[in-house]
N, C-alpha and C. Protein backbone atom coordinates (compact mmCIF):
# COMPACT_ATOMS: atom_id res chain seq x y z
N MET A 1 217.24 205.13 200.34
CA MET A 1 217.98 205.39 199.13
C MET A 1 219.08 204.33 198.99
N VAL A 2 219.17 203.75 197.82
CA VAL A 2 220.13 202.68 197.55
C VAL A 2 221.34 203.30 196.87
N SER A 3 222.54 202.86 197.26
CA SER A 3 223.77 203.43 196.69
C SER A 3 223.94 203.02 195.23
N ARG A 4 224.73 203.80 194.57
CA ARG A 4 225.00 203.57 193.15
C ARG A 4 225.68 202.21 192.96
N ASP A 5 226.56 201.82 193.87
CA ASP A 5 227.25 200.53 193.78
C ASP A 5 226.26 199.37 193.83
N VAL A 6 225.23 199.49 194.69
CA VAL A 6 224.23 198.43 194.83
C VAL A 6 223.41 198.33 193.53
N VAL A 7 223.05 199.50 192.99
CA VAL A 7 222.26 199.51 191.73
C VAL A 7 223.07 198.87 190.61
N GLU A 8 224.36 199.18 190.52
CA GLU A 8 225.21 198.57 189.48
C GLU A 8 225.31 197.06 189.68
N LYS A 9 225.40 196.62 190.95
CA LYS A 9 225.47 195.18 191.25
C LYS A 9 224.16 194.51 190.83
N ILE A 10 223.00 195.18 191.09
CA ILE A 10 221.68 194.64 190.70
C ILE A 10 221.63 194.48 189.18
N LEU A 11 222.08 195.51 188.46
CA LEU A 11 222.07 195.44 186.98
C LEU A 11 223.00 194.34 186.47
N GLU A 12 224.15 194.22 187.10
CA GLU A 12 225.11 193.19 186.68
C GLU A 12 224.52 191.79 186.88
N LEU A 13 223.89 191.54 188.03
CA LEU A 13 223.28 190.23 188.29
C LEU A 13 222.10 189.98 187.35
N ARG A 14 221.34 191.03 187.06
CA ARG A 14 220.18 190.87 186.15
C ARG A 14 220.65 190.50 184.75
N GLN A 15 221.77 191.08 184.33
CA GLN A 15 222.32 190.74 183.01
C GLN A 15 222.82 189.29 182.98
N GLN A 16 223.16 188.77 184.13
CA GLN A 16 223.60 187.38 184.20
C GLN A 16 222.41 186.43 184.37
N SER A 17 221.18 186.97 184.20
CA SER A 17 219.93 186.20 184.21
C SER A 17 219.52 185.68 185.58
N TYR A 18 219.93 186.35 186.63
CA TYR A 18 219.45 185.98 187.97
C TYR A 18 218.04 186.49 188.13
N SER A 19 217.23 185.76 188.92
CA SER A 19 215.86 186.20 189.18
C SER A 19 215.89 187.35 190.19
N ILE A 20 214.79 188.06 190.31
CA ILE A 20 214.69 189.19 191.23
C ILE A 20 214.91 188.71 192.67
N ARG A 21 214.36 187.59 193.07
CA ARG A 21 214.53 187.05 194.43
C ARG A 21 216.01 186.71 194.70
N GLU A 22 216.68 186.08 193.73
CA GLU A 22 218.10 185.74 193.91
C GLU A 22 218.95 187.00 194.06
N ILE A 23 218.65 188.02 193.22
CA ILE A 23 219.38 189.29 193.30
C ILE A 23 219.16 189.92 194.68
N ALA A 24 217.90 189.90 195.15
CA ALA A 24 217.56 190.51 196.44
C ALA A 24 218.36 189.84 197.56
N LYS A 25 218.50 188.52 197.54
CA LYS A 25 219.26 187.81 198.56
C LYS A 25 220.73 188.22 198.50
N ARG A 26 221.31 188.34 197.33
CA ARG A 26 222.73 188.63 197.17
C ARG A 26 223.09 190.06 197.60
N VAL A 27 222.15 191.02 197.33
CA VAL A 27 222.48 192.42 197.68
C VAL A 27 221.90 192.82 199.03
N GLY A 28 221.09 191.98 199.64
CA GLY A 28 220.55 192.25 200.95
C GLY A 28 219.38 193.21 200.95
N LEU A 29 218.55 193.17 199.93
CA LEU A 29 217.36 194.02 199.84
C LEU A 29 216.14 193.14 199.66
N SER A 30 214.95 193.72 199.84
CA SER A 30 213.74 192.95 199.59
C SER A 30 213.54 192.82 198.07
N HIS A 31 212.82 191.76 197.73
CA HIS A 31 212.60 191.56 196.28
C HIS A 31 211.76 192.68 195.68
N SER A 32 210.86 193.29 196.46
CA SER A 32 210.03 194.39 195.92
C SER A 32 210.90 195.63 195.66
N THR A 33 211.92 195.87 196.50
CA THR A 33 212.82 197.01 196.29
C THR A 33 213.64 196.79 195.02
N VAL A 34 214.14 195.57 194.85
CA VAL A 34 214.91 195.25 193.63
C VAL A 34 214.02 195.42 192.39
N TRP A 35 212.79 194.97 192.50
CA TRP A 35 211.86 195.09 191.37
C TRP A 35 211.63 196.57 191.03
N ARG A 36 211.40 197.43 192.10
CA ARG A 36 211.17 198.87 191.87
C ARG A 36 212.40 199.52 191.21
N ILE A 37 213.60 199.13 191.66
CA ILE A 37 214.83 199.70 191.08
C ILE A 37 214.93 199.32 189.59
N LEU A 38 214.72 198.04 189.31
CA LEU A 38 214.79 197.59 187.91
C LEU A 38 213.70 198.26 187.05
N LYS A 39 212.51 198.40 187.66
CA LYS A 39 211.40 199.04 186.94
C LYS A 39 211.74 200.50 186.64
N LYS A 40 212.31 201.22 187.60
CA LYS A 40 212.68 202.62 187.41
C LYS A 40 213.74 202.76 186.31
N ILE A 41 214.75 201.89 186.33
CA ILE A 41 215.80 201.91 185.30
C ILE A 41 215.20 201.63 183.92
N GLU A 42 214.30 200.64 183.85
CA GLU A 42 213.65 200.30 182.59
C GLU A 42 212.83 201.48 182.06
N ASP A 43 212.08 202.15 182.96
CA ASP A 43 211.28 203.31 182.55
C ASP A 43 212.16 204.43 182.01
N GLU A 44 213.29 204.67 182.67
CA GLU A 44 214.22 205.71 182.22
C GLU A 44 214.78 205.38 180.84
N GLN A 45 215.11 204.10 180.64
CA GLN A 45 215.62 203.68 179.33
C GLN A 45 214.56 203.86 178.25
N ASN A 46 213.31 203.52 178.58
CA ASN A 46 212.21 203.69 177.63
C ASN A 46 212.02 205.16 177.26
N LYS A 47 212.13 206.04 178.26
CA LYS A 47 212.00 207.47 178.00
C LYS A 47 213.11 207.95 177.07
N ARG A 48 214.34 207.49 177.35
CA ARG A 48 215.47 207.88 176.49
C ARG A 48 215.25 207.36 175.07
N ASN A 49 214.77 206.13 174.94
CA ASN A 49 214.50 205.56 173.62
C ASN A 49 213.41 206.35 172.89
N GLU A 50 212.36 206.73 173.64
CA GLU A 50 211.29 207.53 173.04
C GLU A 50 211.82 208.88 172.56
N THR A 51 212.63 209.52 173.41
CA THR A 51 213.21 210.81 173.04
C THR A 51 214.08 210.66 171.81
N SER A 52 214.89 209.61 171.80
CA SER A 52 215.74 209.35 170.64
C SER A 52 214.89 209.08 169.40
N GLN A 53 213.83 208.29 169.57
CA GLN A 53 212.93 207.98 168.46
C GLN A 53 212.25 209.25 167.96
N ASN A 54 211.79 210.10 168.90
CA ASN A 54 211.16 211.36 168.51
C ASN A 54 212.14 212.26 167.78
N SER A 55 213.38 212.25 168.25
CA SER A 55 214.42 213.04 167.59
C SER A 55 214.64 212.54 166.17
N ASN A 56 214.69 211.20 166.02
CA ASN A 56 214.84 210.61 164.68
C ASN A 56 213.66 210.95 163.80
N ASN A 57 212.45 210.84 164.37
CA ASN A 57 211.25 211.16 163.61
C ASN A 57 211.26 212.63 163.18
N THR A 58 211.70 213.51 164.09
CA THR A 58 211.76 214.94 163.77
C THR A 58 212.75 215.18 162.64
N SER A 59 213.90 214.51 162.70
CA SER A 59 214.89 214.70 161.65
C SER A 59 214.37 214.15 160.31
N ILE A 60 213.65 213.04 160.33
CA ILE A 60 213.07 212.49 159.11
C ILE A 60 212.03 213.46 158.55
N ILE A 61 211.21 214.00 159.43
CA ILE A 61 210.18 214.95 158.99
C ILE A 61 210.83 216.20 158.41
N GLU A 62 211.91 216.67 159.04
CA GLU A 62 212.61 217.84 158.51
C GLU A 62 213.18 217.56 157.13
N GLN A 63 213.76 216.37 156.93
CA GLN A 63 214.29 216.01 155.60
C GLN A 63 213.17 215.95 154.57
N GLU A 64 212.06 215.33 154.94
CA GLU A 64 210.93 215.24 154.01
C GLU A 64 210.37 216.62 153.69
N LEU A 65 210.34 217.50 154.68
CA LEU A 65 209.87 218.86 154.47
C LEU A 65 210.79 219.60 153.49
N LYS A 66 212.10 219.42 153.64
CA LYS A 66 213.05 220.05 152.71
C LYS A 66 212.84 219.52 151.29
N GLN A 67 212.63 218.21 151.17
CA GLN A 67 212.38 217.63 149.85
C GLN A 67 211.09 218.18 149.25
N LEU A 68 210.07 218.29 150.09
CA LEU A 68 208.79 218.83 149.63
C LEU A 68 208.93 220.28 149.19
N GLN A 69 209.71 221.06 149.93
CA GLN A 69 209.94 222.45 149.54
C GLN A 69 210.67 222.52 148.20
N ALA A 70 211.67 221.66 148.01
CA ALA A 70 212.40 221.63 146.73
C ALA A 70 211.47 221.24 145.58
N LEU A 71 210.63 220.24 145.81
CA LEU A 71 209.68 219.82 144.78
C LEU A 71 208.68 220.93 144.47
N THR A 72 208.23 221.63 145.51
CA THR A 72 207.30 222.73 145.32
C THR A 72 207.95 223.83 144.49
N HIS A 73 209.20 224.12 144.77
CA HIS A 73 209.92 225.13 144.00
C HIS A 73 210.00 224.72 142.53
N CYS A 74 210.34 223.45 142.29
CA CYS A 74 210.41 222.94 140.90
C CYS A 74 209.05 223.04 140.22
N LEU A 75 207.99 222.68 140.94
CA LEU A 75 206.65 222.73 140.39
C LEU A 75 206.27 224.17 140.02
N ILE A 76 206.61 225.11 140.88
CA ILE A 76 206.33 226.52 140.60
C ILE A 76 207.06 226.96 139.34
N GLU A 77 208.31 226.55 139.19
CA GLU A 77 209.08 226.91 137.99
C GLU A 77 208.45 226.30 136.73
N HIS A 78 207.99 225.05 136.84
CA HIS A 78 207.32 224.41 135.70
C HIS A 78 206.04 225.14 135.34
N VAL A 79 205.28 225.53 136.34
CA VAL A 79 204.03 226.25 136.09
C VAL A 79 204.33 227.58 135.39
N LYS A 80 205.38 228.29 135.84
CA LYS A 80 205.75 229.55 135.19
C LYS A 80 206.12 229.31 133.73
N THR A 81 206.89 228.25 133.48
CA THR A 81 207.27 227.91 132.11
C THR A 81 206.03 227.61 131.27
N LEU A 82 205.11 226.83 131.84
CA LEU A 82 203.87 226.51 131.12
C LEU A 82 203.05 227.76 130.83
N GLU A 83 202.98 228.67 131.80
CA GLU A 83 202.25 229.92 131.58
C GLU A 83 202.85 230.70 130.43
N ASN A 84 204.19 230.78 130.37
CA ASN A 84 204.85 231.47 129.27
C ASN A 84 204.54 230.80 127.94
N ASN A 85 204.61 229.46 127.93
CA ASN A 85 204.34 228.72 126.69
C ASN A 85 202.89 228.92 126.24
N VAL A 86 201.96 228.91 127.19
CA VAL A 86 200.55 229.11 126.85
C VAL A 86 200.36 230.50 126.27
N SER A 87 201.03 231.48 126.86
CA SER A 87 200.93 232.85 126.36
C SER A 87 201.42 232.93 124.92
N ILE A 88 202.58 232.32 124.66
CA ILE A 88 203.13 232.31 123.30
C ILE A 88 202.18 231.58 122.36
N LEU A 89 201.65 230.43 122.79
CA LEU A 89 200.74 229.65 121.95
C LEU A 89 199.46 230.42 121.65
N SER A 90 198.98 231.19 122.61
CA SER A 90 197.75 231.94 122.36
C SER A 90 197.97 232.96 121.25
N TYR A 91 199.17 233.59 121.22
CA TYR A 91 199.47 234.50 120.11
C TYR A 91 199.52 233.73 118.80
N ASP A 92 200.17 232.56 118.81
CA ASP A 92 200.25 231.74 117.60
C ASP A 92 198.86 231.32 117.12
N VAL A 93 198.00 230.95 118.06
CA VAL A 93 196.64 230.54 117.69
C VAL A 93 195.90 231.70 117.04
N GLU A 94 196.05 232.88 117.59
CA GLU A 94 195.39 234.06 117.00
C GLU A 94 195.93 234.32 115.60
N ASP A 95 197.25 234.19 115.43
CA ASP A 95 197.84 234.37 114.09
C ASP A 95 197.30 233.32 113.12
N LEU A 96 197.20 232.07 113.58
CA LEU A 96 196.68 231.01 112.72
C LEU A 96 195.21 231.23 112.36
N LYS A 97 194.43 231.74 113.31
CA LYS A 97 193.03 232.04 113.01
C LYS A 97 192.93 233.11 111.93
N LEU A 98 193.76 234.14 112.06
CA LEU A 98 193.77 235.21 111.06
C LEU A 98 194.21 234.68 109.71
N PHE A 99 195.25 233.84 109.70
CA PHE A 99 195.76 233.25 108.46
C PHE A 99 194.68 232.37 107.81
N ARG A 100 194.00 231.57 108.61
CA ARG A 100 192.91 230.71 108.10
C ARG A 100 191.80 231.57 107.50
N PHE A 101 191.44 232.64 108.19
CA PHE A 101 190.40 233.53 107.68
C PHE A 101 190.80 234.11 106.32
N MET A 102 192.07 234.53 106.20
CA MET A 102 192.54 235.09 104.92
C MET A 102 192.52 234.04 103.82
N ILE A 103 192.95 232.84 104.14
CA ILE A 103 192.94 231.75 103.14
C ILE A 103 191.52 231.46 102.69
N LEU A 104 190.59 231.40 103.64
CA LEU A 104 189.20 231.15 103.28
C LEU A 104 188.65 232.25 102.38
N GLN A 105 189.00 233.49 102.68
CA GLN A 105 188.52 234.61 101.85
C GLN A 105 189.07 234.51 100.43
N VAL A 106 190.36 234.22 100.32
CA VAL A 106 190.97 234.09 98.98
C VAL A 106 190.36 232.91 98.23
N SER A 107 190.18 231.79 98.92
CA SER A 107 189.62 230.62 98.23
C SER A 107 188.15 230.84 97.87
N ARG A 108 187.42 231.59 98.68
CA ARG A 108 186.01 231.90 98.36
C ARG A 108 185.92 232.70 97.06
N LEU A 109 186.92 233.57 96.79
CA LEU A 109 186.91 234.33 95.54
C LEU A 109 186.92 233.41 94.32
N ARG A 110 187.50 232.22 94.48
CA ARG A 110 187.58 231.28 93.36
C ARG A 110 186.26 230.53 93.10
N ILE A 111 185.37 230.53 94.08
CA ILE A 111 184.12 229.78 93.89
C ILE A 111 182.87 230.67 93.91
N GLU A 112 183.04 231.96 94.20
CA GLU A 112 181.88 232.86 94.27
C GLU A 112 182.15 234.13 93.46
N GLY A 113 181.09 234.76 93.05
CA GLY A 113 181.19 236.07 92.41
C GLY A 113 181.71 236.01 90.99
N PRO A 114 182.12 237.18 90.47
CA PRO A 114 182.54 237.27 89.06
C PRO A 114 183.83 236.52 88.76
N ALA A 115 184.67 236.27 89.77
CA ALA A 115 185.94 235.56 89.54
C ALA A 115 185.79 234.06 89.74
N ARG A 116 184.55 233.58 89.80
CA ARG A 116 184.30 232.15 90.01
C ARG A 116 184.96 231.32 88.92
N CYS A 117 185.56 230.23 89.32
CA CYS A 117 186.28 229.35 88.39
C CYS A 117 185.30 228.71 87.41
N LYS A 118 185.70 228.63 86.17
CA LYS A 118 184.81 228.05 85.15
C LYS A 118 184.70 226.53 85.25
N TYR A 119 185.54 225.91 86.11
CA TYR A 119 185.50 224.46 86.29
C TYR A 119 184.63 224.04 87.48
N ILE A 120 183.87 224.95 88.05
CA ILE A 120 182.95 224.63 89.14
C ILE A 120 181.54 224.69 88.57
N ASP A 121 180.80 223.58 88.71
CA ASP A 121 179.44 223.57 88.16
C ASP A 121 178.47 224.34 89.06
N ASP A 122 177.21 224.40 88.65
CA ASP A 122 176.20 225.18 89.37
C ASP A 122 175.91 224.63 90.76
N TYR A 123 176.28 223.38 91.02
CA TYR A 123 176.03 222.76 92.33
C TYR A 123 177.25 222.86 93.26
N GLY A 124 178.36 223.41 92.78
CA GLY A 124 179.54 223.59 93.59
C GLY A 124 180.57 222.49 93.48
N TYR A 125 180.39 221.55 92.54
CA TYR A 125 181.36 220.46 92.36
C TYR A 125 182.42 220.87 91.35
N TYR A 126 183.63 220.40 91.59
CA TYR A 126 184.75 220.70 90.70
C TYR A 126 184.71 219.71 89.54
N THR A 127 184.81 220.20 88.29
CA THR A 127 184.63 219.34 87.12
C THR A 127 185.93 219.00 86.39
N LYS A 128 187.01 219.68 86.69
CA LYS A 128 188.25 219.49 85.93
C LYS A 128 189.01 218.24 86.33
N ILE A 129 189.05 217.94 87.62
CA ILE A 129 189.85 216.80 88.09
C ILE A 129 188.95 215.80 88.80
N LEU A 130 189.21 214.53 88.57
CA LEU A 130 188.56 213.45 89.31
C LEU A 130 189.57 212.88 90.29
N LEU A 131 189.13 212.65 91.51
CA LEU A 131 190.01 212.11 92.54
C LEU A 131 189.72 210.63 92.77
N PRO A 132 190.74 209.84 93.11
CA PRO A 132 190.53 208.40 93.34
C PRO A 132 189.75 208.11 94.63
N GLU A 133 189.74 209.07 95.56
CA GLU A 133 188.94 208.90 96.78
C GLU A 133 188.48 210.28 97.24
N CYS A 134 187.43 210.26 98.01
CA CYS A 134 186.87 211.51 98.51
C CYS A 134 187.76 212.07 99.62
N LEU A 135 187.95 213.37 99.59
CA LEU A 135 188.78 214.01 100.62
C LEU A 135 188.04 214.03 101.95
N PRO A 136 188.78 213.99 103.07
CA PRO A 136 188.14 214.03 104.38
C PRO A 136 187.33 215.32 104.55
N GLU A 137 186.17 215.19 105.18
CA GLU A 137 185.28 216.31 105.48
C GLU A 137 184.84 217.07 104.23
N THR A 138 184.72 216.36 103.12
CA THR A 138 184.30 216.97 101.87
C THR A 138 183.24 216.09 101.22
N LYS A 139 182.18 216.74 100.77
CA LYS A 139 181.17 216.01 100.00
C LYS A 139 181.73 215.76 98.61
N CYS A 140 181.43 214.60 98.08
CA CYS A 140 181.92 214.26 96.75
C CYS A 140 180.80 213.66 95.91
N LEU A 141 180.93 213.86 94.63
CA LEU A 141 180.00 213.28 93.68
C LEU A 141 180.72 212.08 93.04
N GLU A 142 180.11 210.91 93.17
CA GLU A 142 180.73 209.70 92.63
C GLU A 142 180.51 209.65 91.12
N VAL A 143 181.60 209.37 90.40
CA VAL A 143 181.54 209.26 88.95
C VAL A 143 182.13 207.90 88.59
N ILE A 144 181.39 207.15 87.75
CA ILE A 144 181.90 205.84 87.32
C ILE A 144 182.36 205.99 85.87
N LEU A 145 183.62 205.71 85.64
CA LEU A 145 184.21 205.84 84.31
C LEU A 145 183.79 204.66 83.43
N SER A 146 184.05 204.77 82.13
CA SER A 146 183.66 203.73 81.18
C SER A 146 184.31 202.38 81.48
N ASN A 147 185.47 202.38 82.12
CA ASN A 147 186.12 201.11 82.46
C ASN A 147 185.63 200.56 83.81
N GLY A 148 184.65 201.23 84.44
CA GLY A 148 184.07 200.77 85.70
C GLY A 148 184.75 201.31 86.96
N THR A 149 185.77 202.13 86.79
CA THR A 149 186.49 202.70 87.94
C THR A 149 185.67 203.82 88.59
N LYS A 150 185.63 203.79 89.91
CA LYS A 150 184.94 204.86 90.64
C LYS A 150 185.92 206.00 90.88
N MET A 151 185.48 207.20 90.58
CA MET A 151 186.25 208.41 90.84
C MET A 151 185.32 209.42 91.53
N TYR A 152 185.89 210.49 92.04
CA TYR A 152 185.09 211.43 92.82
C TYR A 152 185.38 212.87 92.42
N ARG A 153 184.30 213.68 92.36
CA ARG A 153 184.41 215.12 92.16
C ARG A 153 184.14 215.77 93.51
N PRO A 154 185.09 216.55 94.05
CA PRO A 154 184.86 217.20 95.34
C PRO A 154 183.91 218.38 95.21
N LYS A 155 183.11 218.58 96.25
CA LYS A 155 182.23 219.75 96.29
C LYS A 155 183.01 220.88 96.95
N VAL A 156 183.59 221.74 96.12
CA VAL A 156 184.45 222.80 96.62
C VAL A 156 183.65 223.92 97.28
N LEU A 157 182.38 223.98 97.00
CA LEU A 157 181.53 224.99 97.63
C LEU A 157 181.51 224.79 99.15
N ASP A 158 181.55 223.53 99.61
CA ASP A 158 181.57 223.22 101.05
C ASP A 158 182.97 223.33 101.66
N ASN A 159 184.00 223.18 100.85
CA ASN A 159 185.38 223.21 101.34
C ASN A 159 186.23 224.00 100.35
N PRO A 160 186.10 225.33 100.36
CA PRO A 160 186.75 226.15 99.33
C PRO A 160 188.28 226.13 99.36
N ILE A 161 188.88 225.68 100.43
CA ILE A 161 190.35 225.65 100.51
C ILE A 161 190.93 224.71 99.45
N ILE A 162 190.14 223.72 99.02
CA ILE A 162 190.59 222.80 97.98
C ILE A 162 191.01 223.57 96.74
N CYS A 163 190.31 224.66 96.45
CA CYS A 163 190.59 225.43 95.25
C CYS A 163 191.99 226.04 95.24
N LEU A 164 192.56 226.30 96.37
CA LEU A 164 193.89 226.90 96.42
C LEU A 164 194.95 225.96 95.88
N ALA A 165 194.70 224.67 95.92
CA ALA A 165 195.68 223.71 95.42
C ALA A 165 195.52 223.45 93.92
N CYS A 166 194.47 223.98 93.34
CA CYS A 166 194.17 223.70 91.93
C CYS A 166 195.04 224.52 90.98
N PRO A 167 195.74 223.84 90.07
CA PRO A 167 196.56 224.57 89.10
C PRO A 167 195.75 225.04 87.88
N TYR A 168 194.47 224.64 87.79
CA TYR A 168 193.67 224.93 86.60
C TYR A 168 192.72 226.11 86.77
N TYR A 169 192.84 226.88 87.83
CA TYR A 169 191.89 227.96 88.08
C TYR A 169 191.82 228.92 86.89
N LYS A 170 190.59 229.10 86.40
CA LYS A 170 190.34 230.07 85.33
C LYS A 170 189.03 230.75 85.68
N PRO A 171 189.02 232.08 85.85
CA PRO A 171 187.77 232.76 86.18
C PRO A 171 186.81 232.75 85.00
N ARG A 172 185.51 232.75 85.28
CA ARG A 172 184.50 232.80 84.21
C ARG A 172 184.55 234.14 83.51
N LYS A 173 184.75 235.19 84.30
CA LYS A 173 184.90 236.54 83.74
C LYS A 173 186.19 237.10 84.30
N LEU A 174 186.83 237.91 83.55
CA LEU A 174 188.04 238.57 84.05
C LEU A 174 187.61 239.68 85.01
N ILE A 175 188.33 239.82 86.05
CA ILE A 175 187.99 240.82 87.08
C ILE A 175 188.34 242.20 86.60
């Protein structure tokens, strides 16, 4: 067993860049004993560094875990908010479907049955107004005026909602 004073002297000489053989001569030990002492000290330092590194890694992992938990909590809150919004929207969609159905029924009264508008021909085209372009998703009959201008008659039978905007509605027969 080597005394603590000898080990400190070995470390001091090693820090001054002496070789293992030179240190062994100065402290009166064999070079293999000096090498084993230095090796043991180095191994202990490596273990301490590893423990410190593991401790740092653990603390980093703990911080990342806390951040992940906070993000998860935020995500859960966002999902709850989205669920509430979807629920509200589903009610709105149902209301809009009902409203659309009612509008279609009212507009159908203007193109079908005894209250059919007198400005709709037998093929379902509107005859009172000519449009400068065909409406989207509506069949139109192209009409060329005497001055060569192209105009369009919408087929309201295919898109009865157009009739709701018409200020000229007159039933063929009074209801």
